[in-house]
Amino acid sequence: MSTARKSLFATLGNAIDVFGSAAAVASAIEGGRAPKAKHLKTLGIDADAFRSIGRS
């Protein structure tokens, strides 16, 4: 398999991971649950910072 083809599949895989994590986080928030740290990390969000939102 060529490098370009591997790169294409890697990019598609990353896009699917991002969309899946976004859906998981959105679902958790709508359900009143805390999203999993791995999904937040995939989206580039610090889990500790996310959990402190709304607390003063």
PDB file of N, CA and C in Angstrom:
ATOM      1  N   MET A   1       0.859  -1.173   0.000  1.00  0.00           N
ATOM      2  CA  MET A   1       0.000   0.000   0.000  1.00  0.00           C
ATOM      3  C   MET A   1       0.900   1.229   0.000  1.00  0.00           C
ATOM      4  N   SER A   2       0.550   2.202  -0.799  1.00  0.00           N
ATOM      5  CA  SER A   2       1.378   3.395  -0.913  1.00  0.00           C
ATOM      6  C   SER A   2       1.229   4.286   0.310  1.00  0.00           C
ATOM      7  N   THR A   3       2.207   5.150   0.493  1.00  0.00           N
ATOM      8  CA  THR A   3       2.189   6.082   1.626  1.00  0.00           C
ATOM      9  C   THR A   3       1.004   7.030   1.540  1.00  0.00           C
ATOM     10  N   ALA A   4       0.682   7.480   0.329  1.00  0.00           N
ATOM     11  CA  ALA A   4      -0.450   8.389   0.150  1.00  0.00           C
ATOM     12  C   ALA A   4      -1.755   7.711   0.552  1.00  0.00           C
ATOM     13  N   ARG A   5      -1.883   6.459   0.195  1.00  0.00           N
ATOM     14  CA  ARG A   5      -3.100   5.711   0.536  1.00  0.00           C
ATOM     15  C   ARG A   5      -3.206   5.501   2.040  1.00  0.00           C
ATOM     16  N   LYS A   6      -2.082   5.171   2.686  1.00  0.00           N
ATOM     17  CA  LYS A   6      -2.071   5.016   4.145  1.00  0.00           C
ATOM     18  C   LYS A   6      -2.430   6.328   4.817  1.00  0.00           C
ATOM     19  N   SER A   7      -1.914   7.425   4.273  1.00  0.00           N
ATOM     20  CA  SER A   7      -2.191   8.739   4.834  1.00  0.00           C
ATOM     21  C   SER A   7      -3.683   9.074   4.710  1.00  0.00           C
ATOM     22  N   LEU A   8      -4.274   8.730   3.592  1.00  0.00           N
ATOM     23  CA  LEU A   8      -5.699   8.973   3.387  1.00  0.00           C
ATOM     24  C   LEU A   8      -6.518   8.199   4.415  1.00  0.00           C
ATOM     25  N   PHE A   9      -6.197   6.933   4.608  1.00  0.00           N
ATOM     26  CA  PHE A   9      -6.936   6.119   5.576  1.00  0.00           C
ATOM     27  C   PHE A   9      -6.719   6.619   7.001  1.00  0.00           C
ATOM     28  N   ALA A  10      -5.523   7.075   7.304  1.00  0.00           N
ATOM     29  CA  ALA A  10      -5.246   7.623   8.634  1.00  0.00           C
ATOM     30  C   ALA A  10      -6.055   8.895   8.872  1.00  0.00           C
ATOM     31  N   THR A  11      -6.135   9.736   7.855  1.00  0.00           N
ATOM     32  CA  THR A  11      -6.906  10.980   7.964  1.00  0.00           C
ATOM     33  C   THR A  11      -8.387  10.677   8.145  1.00  0.00           C
ATOM     34  N   LEU A  12      -8.904   9.740   7.379  1.00  0.00           N
ATOM     35  CA  LEU A  12     -10.311   9.350   7.517  1.00  0.00           C
ATOM     36  C   LEU A  12     -10.576   8.751   8.895  1.00  0.00           C
ATOM     37  N   GLY A  13      -9.645   7.944   9.367  1.00  0.00           N
ATOM     38  CA  GLY A  13      -9.787   7.357  10.705  1.00  0.00           C
ATOM     39  C   GLY A  13      -9.813   8.422  11.779  1.00  0.00           C
ATOM     40  N   ASN A  14      -8.949   9.422  11.654  1.00  0.00           N
ATOM     41  CA  ASN A  14      -8.929  10.516  12.634  1.00  0.00           C
ATOM     42  C   ASN A  14     -10.229  11.307  12.587  1.00  0.00           C
ATOM     43  N   ALA A  15     -10.746  11.555  11.409  1.00  0.00           N
ATOM     44  CA  ALA A  15     -12.004  12.297  11.273  1.00  0.00           C
ATOM     45  C   ALA A  15     -13.148  11.526  11.926  1.00  0.00           C
ATOM     46  N   ILE A  16     -13.167  10.234  11.721  1.00  0.00           N
ATOM     47  CA  ILE A  16     -14.209   9.406  12.334  1.00  0.00           C
ATOM     48  C   ILE A  16     -14.079   9.426  13.850  1.00  0.00           C
ATOM     49  N   ASP A  17     -12.854   9.377  14.367  1.00  0.00           N
ATOM     50  CA  ASP A  17     -12.629   9.453  15.813  1.00  0.00           C
ATOM     51  C   ASP A  17     -13.143  10.772  16.383  1.00  0.00           C
ATOM     52  N   VAL A  18     -12.870  11.865  15.687  1.00  0.00           N
ATOM     53  CA  VAL A  18     -13.297  13.189  16.162  1.00  0.00           C
ATOM     54  C   VAL A  18     -14.823  13.281  16.174  1.00  0.00           C
ATOM     55  N   PHE A  19     -15.469  12.871  15.094  1.00  0.00           N
ATOM     56  CA  PHE A  19     -16.930  12.939  15.046  1.00  0.00           C
ATOM     57  C   PHE A  19     -17.565  12.011  16.082  1.00  0.00           C
ATOM     58  N   GLY A  20     -16.989  10.842  16.267  1.00  0.00           N
ATOM     59  CA  GLY A  20     -17.504   9.913  17.275  1.00  0.00           C
ATOM     60  C   GLY A  20     -17.371  10.479  18.674  1.00  0.00           C
ATOM     61  N   SER A  21     -16.233  11.095  18.957  1.00  0.00           N
ATOM     62  CA  SER A  21     -16.026  11.702  20.272  1.00  0.00           C
ATOM     63  C   SER A  21     -16.960  12.882  20.486  1.00  0.00           C
ATOM     64  N   ALA A  22     -17.160  13.679  19.443  1.00  0.00           N
ATOM     65  CA  ALA A  22     -18.082  14.817  19.559  1.00  0.00           C
ATOM     66  C   ALA A  22     -19.495  14.331  19.858  1.00  0.00           C
ATOM     67  N   ALA A  23     -19.903  13.275  19.201  1.00  0.00           N
ATOM     68  CA  ALA A  23     -21.238  12.721  19.442  1.00  0.00           C
ATOM     69  C   ALA A  23     -21.341  12.147  20.854  1.00  0.00           C
ATOM     70  N   ALA A  24     -20.286  11.485  21.321  1.00  0.00           N
ATOM     71  CA  ALA A  24     -20.300  10.908  22.661  1.00  0.00           C
ATOM     72  C   ALA A  24     -20.358  11.988  23.733  1.00  0.00           C
ATOM     73  N   VAL A  25     -19.589  13.058  23.545  1.00  0.00           N
ATOM     74  CA  VAL A  25     -19.589  14.164  24.507  1.00  0.00           C
ATOM     75  C   VAL A  25     -20.951  14.852  24.511  1.00  0.00           C
ATOM     76  N   ALA A  26     -21.499  15.108  23.333  1.00  0.00           N
ATOM     77  CA  ALA A  26     -22.805  15.760  23.246  1.00  0.00           C
ATOM     78  C   ALA A  26     -23.883  14.910  23.909  1.00  0.00           C
ATOM     79  N   SER A  27     -23.835  13.621  23.672  1.00  0.00           N
ATOM     80  CA  SER A  27     -24.814  12.722  24.266  1.00  0.00           C
ATOM     81  C   SER A  27     -24.697  12.704  25.790  1.00  0.00           C
ATOM     82  N   ALA A  28     -23.476  12.680  26.286  1.00  0.00           N
ATOM     83  CA  ALA A  28     -23.271  12.686  27.739  1.00  0.00           C
ATOM     84  C   ALA A  28     -23.804  13.971  28.358  1.00  0.00           C
ATOM     85  N   ILE A  29     -23.517  15.096  27.730  1.00  0.00           N
ATOM     86  CA  ILE A  29     -23.980  16.391  28.254  1.00  0.00           C
ATOM     87  C   ILE A  29     -25.504  16.444  28.248  1.00  0.00           C
ATOM     88  N   GLU A  30     -26.109  16.032  27.146  1.00  0.00           N
ATOM     89  CA  GLU A  30     -27.571  16.041  27.068  1.00  0.00           C
ATOM     90  C   GLU A  30     -28.197  15.111  28.098  1.00  0.00           C
ATOM     91  N   GLY A  31     -27.510  14.027  28.419  1.00  0.00           N
ATOM     92  CA  GLY A  31     -28.014  13.068  29.399  1.00  0.00           C
ATOM     93  C   GLY A  31     -27.679  13.433  30.835  1.00  0.00           C
ATOM     94  N   GLY A  32     -26.998  14.571  31.025  1.00  0.00           N
ATOM     95  CA  GLY A  32     -26.651  15.014  32.372  1.00  0.00           C
ATOM     96  C   GLY A  32     -25.495  14.241  32.988  1.00  0.00           C
ATOM     97  N   ARG A  33     -24.693  13.603  32.137  1.00  0.00           N
ATOM     98  CA  ARG A  33     -23.540  12.835  32.621  1.00  0.00           C
ATOM     99  C   ARG A  33     -22.251  13.547  32.238  1.00  0.00           C
ATOM    100  N   ALA A  34     -21.188  13.201  32.921  1.00  0.00           N
ATOM    101  CA  ALA A  34     -19.870  13.727  32.572  1.00  0.00           C
ATOM    102  C   ALA A  34     -19.310  12.912  31.406  1.00  0.00           C
ATOM    103  N   PRO A  35     -18.800  13.564  30.377  1.00  0.00           N
ATOM    104  CA  PRO A  35     -18.210  12.826  29.263  1.00  0.00           C
ATOM    105  C   PRO A  35     -16.902  12.153  29.674  1.00  0.00           C
ATOM    106  N   LYS A  36     -16.560  11.091  29.004  1.00  0.00           N
ATOM    107  CA  LYS A  36     -15.315  10.381  29.290  1.00  0.00           C
ATOM    108  C   LYS A  36     -14.124  11.246  28.895  1.00  0.00           C
ATOM    109  N   ALA A  37     -13.079  11.159  29.693  1.00  0.00           N
ATOM    110  CA  ALA A  37     -11.871  11.952  29.464  1.00  0.00           C
ATOM    111  C   ALA A  37     -11.248  11.656  28.101  1.00  0.00           C
ATOM    112  N   LYS A  38     -11.319  10.402  27.642  1.00  0.00           N
ATOM    113  CA  LYS A  38     -10.702  10.057  26.349  1.00  0.00           C
ATOM    114  C   LYS A  38     -11.396  10.773  25.196  1.00  0.00           C
ATOM    115  N   HIS A  39     -12.712  10.984  25.297  1.00  0.00           N
ATOM    116  CA  HIS A  39     -13.424  11.705  24.245  1.00  0.00           C
ATOM    117  C   HIS A  39     -13.066  13.189  24.275  1.00  0.00           C
ATOM    118  N   LEU A  40     -12.958  13.738  25.463  1.00  0.00           N
ATOM    119  CA  LEU A  40     -12.561  15.143  25.566  1.00  0.00           C
ATOM    120  C   LEU A  40     -11.152  15.337  25.016  1.00  0.00           C
ATOM    121  N   LYS A  41     -10.255  14.405  25.340  1.00  0.00           N
ATOM    122  CA  LYS A  41      -8.869  14.500  24.860  1.00  0.00           C
ATOM    123  C   LYS A  41      -8.824  14.439  23.333  1.00  0.00           C
ATOM    124  N   THR A  42      -9.629  13.577  22.736  1.00  0.00           N
ATOM    125  CA  THR A  42      -9.684  13.473  21.281  1.00  0.00           C
ATOM    126  C   THR A  42     -10.091  14.800  20.656  1.00  0.00           C
ATOM    127  N   LEU A  43     -10.953  15.537  21.360  1.00  0.00           N
ATOM    128  CA  LEU A  43     -11.411  16.832  20.862  1.00  0.00           C
ATOM    129  C   LEU A  43     -10.479  17.970  21.235  1.00  0.00           C
ATOM    130  N   GLY A  44      -9.417  17.660  21.973  1.00  0.00           N
ATOM    131  CA  GLY A  44      -8.447  18.686  22.360  1.00  0.00           C
ATOM    132  C   GLY A  44      -8.888  19.503  23.551  1.00  0.00           C
ATOM    133  N   ILE A  45      -9.761  18.937  24.369  1.00  0.00           N
ATOM    134  CA  ILE A  45     -10.290  19.632  25.541  1.00  0.00           C
ATOM    135  C   ILE A  45      -9.694  19.009  26.791  1.00  0.00           C
ATOM    136  N   ASP A  46      -9.167  19.843  27.670  1.00  0.00           N
ATOM    137  CA  ASP A  46      -8.622  19.370  28.938  1.00  0.00           C
ATOM    138  C   ASP A  46      -9.783  18.936  29.834  1.00  0.00           C
ATOM    139  N   ALA A  47      -9.765  17.686  30.289  1.00  0.00           N
ATOM    140  CA  ALA A  47     -10.872  17.145  31.086  1.00  0.00           C
ATOM    141  C   ALA A  47     -11.066  17.903  32.397  1.00  0.00           C
ATOM    142  N   ASP A  48      -9.980  18.269  33.065  1.00  0.00           N
ATOM    143  CA  ASP A  48     -10.103  18.990  34.331  1.00  0.00           C
ATOM    144  C   ASP A  48     -10.699  20.373  34.106  1.00  0.00           C
ATOM    145  N   ALA A  49     -10.275  21.055  33.056  1.00  0.00           N
ATOM    146  CA  ALA A  49     -10.813  22.375  32.749  1.00  0.00           C
ATOM    147  C   ALA A  49     -12.290  22.268  32.383  1.00  0.00           C
ATOM    148  N   PHE A  50     -12.650  21.229  31.630  1.00  0.00           N
ATOM    149  CA  PHE A  50     -14.047  21.043  31.232  1.00  0.00           C
ATOM    150  C   PHE A  50     -14.926  20.840  32.458  1.00  0.00           C
ATOM    151  N   ARG A  51     -14.450  20.026  33.384  1.00  0.00           N
ATOM    152  CA  ARG A  51     -15.248  19.718  34.567  1.00  0.00           C
ATOM    153  C   ARG A  51     -15.379  20.917  35.504  1.00  0.00           C
ATOM    154  N   SER A  52     -14.495  21.886  35.377  1.00  0.00           N
ATOM    155  CA  SER A  52     -14.583  23.064  36.250  1.00  0.00           C
ATOM    156  C   SER A  52     -15.468  24.168  35.669  1.00  0.00           C
ATOM    157  N   ILE A  53     -15.990  23.953  34.470  1.00  0.00           N
ATOM    158  CA  ILE A  53     -16.881  24.947  33.857  1.00  0.00           C
ATOM    159  C   ILE A  53     -18.145  25.059  34.694  1.00  0.00           C
ATOM    160  N   GLY A  54     -18.526  26.288  34.985  1.00  0.00           N
ATOM    161  CA  GLY A  54     -19.740  26.534  35.749  1.00  0.00           C
ATOM    162  C   GLY A  54     -19.524  26.593  37.241  1.00  0.00           C
ATOM    163  N   ARG A  55     -18.345  26.247  37.687  1.00  0.00           N
ATOM    164  CA  ARG A  55     -18.021  26.337  39.106  1.00  0.00           C
ATOM    165  C   ARG A  55     -17.213  27.590  39.352  1.00  0.00           C
ATOM    166  N   SER A  56     -17.580  28.323  40.341  1.00  0.00           N
ATOM    167  CA  SER A  56     -16.819  29.555  40.646  1.00  0.00           C
ATOM    168  C   SER A  56     -16.135  29.469  41.969  1.00  0.00           C
TER     169      SER A  56
END
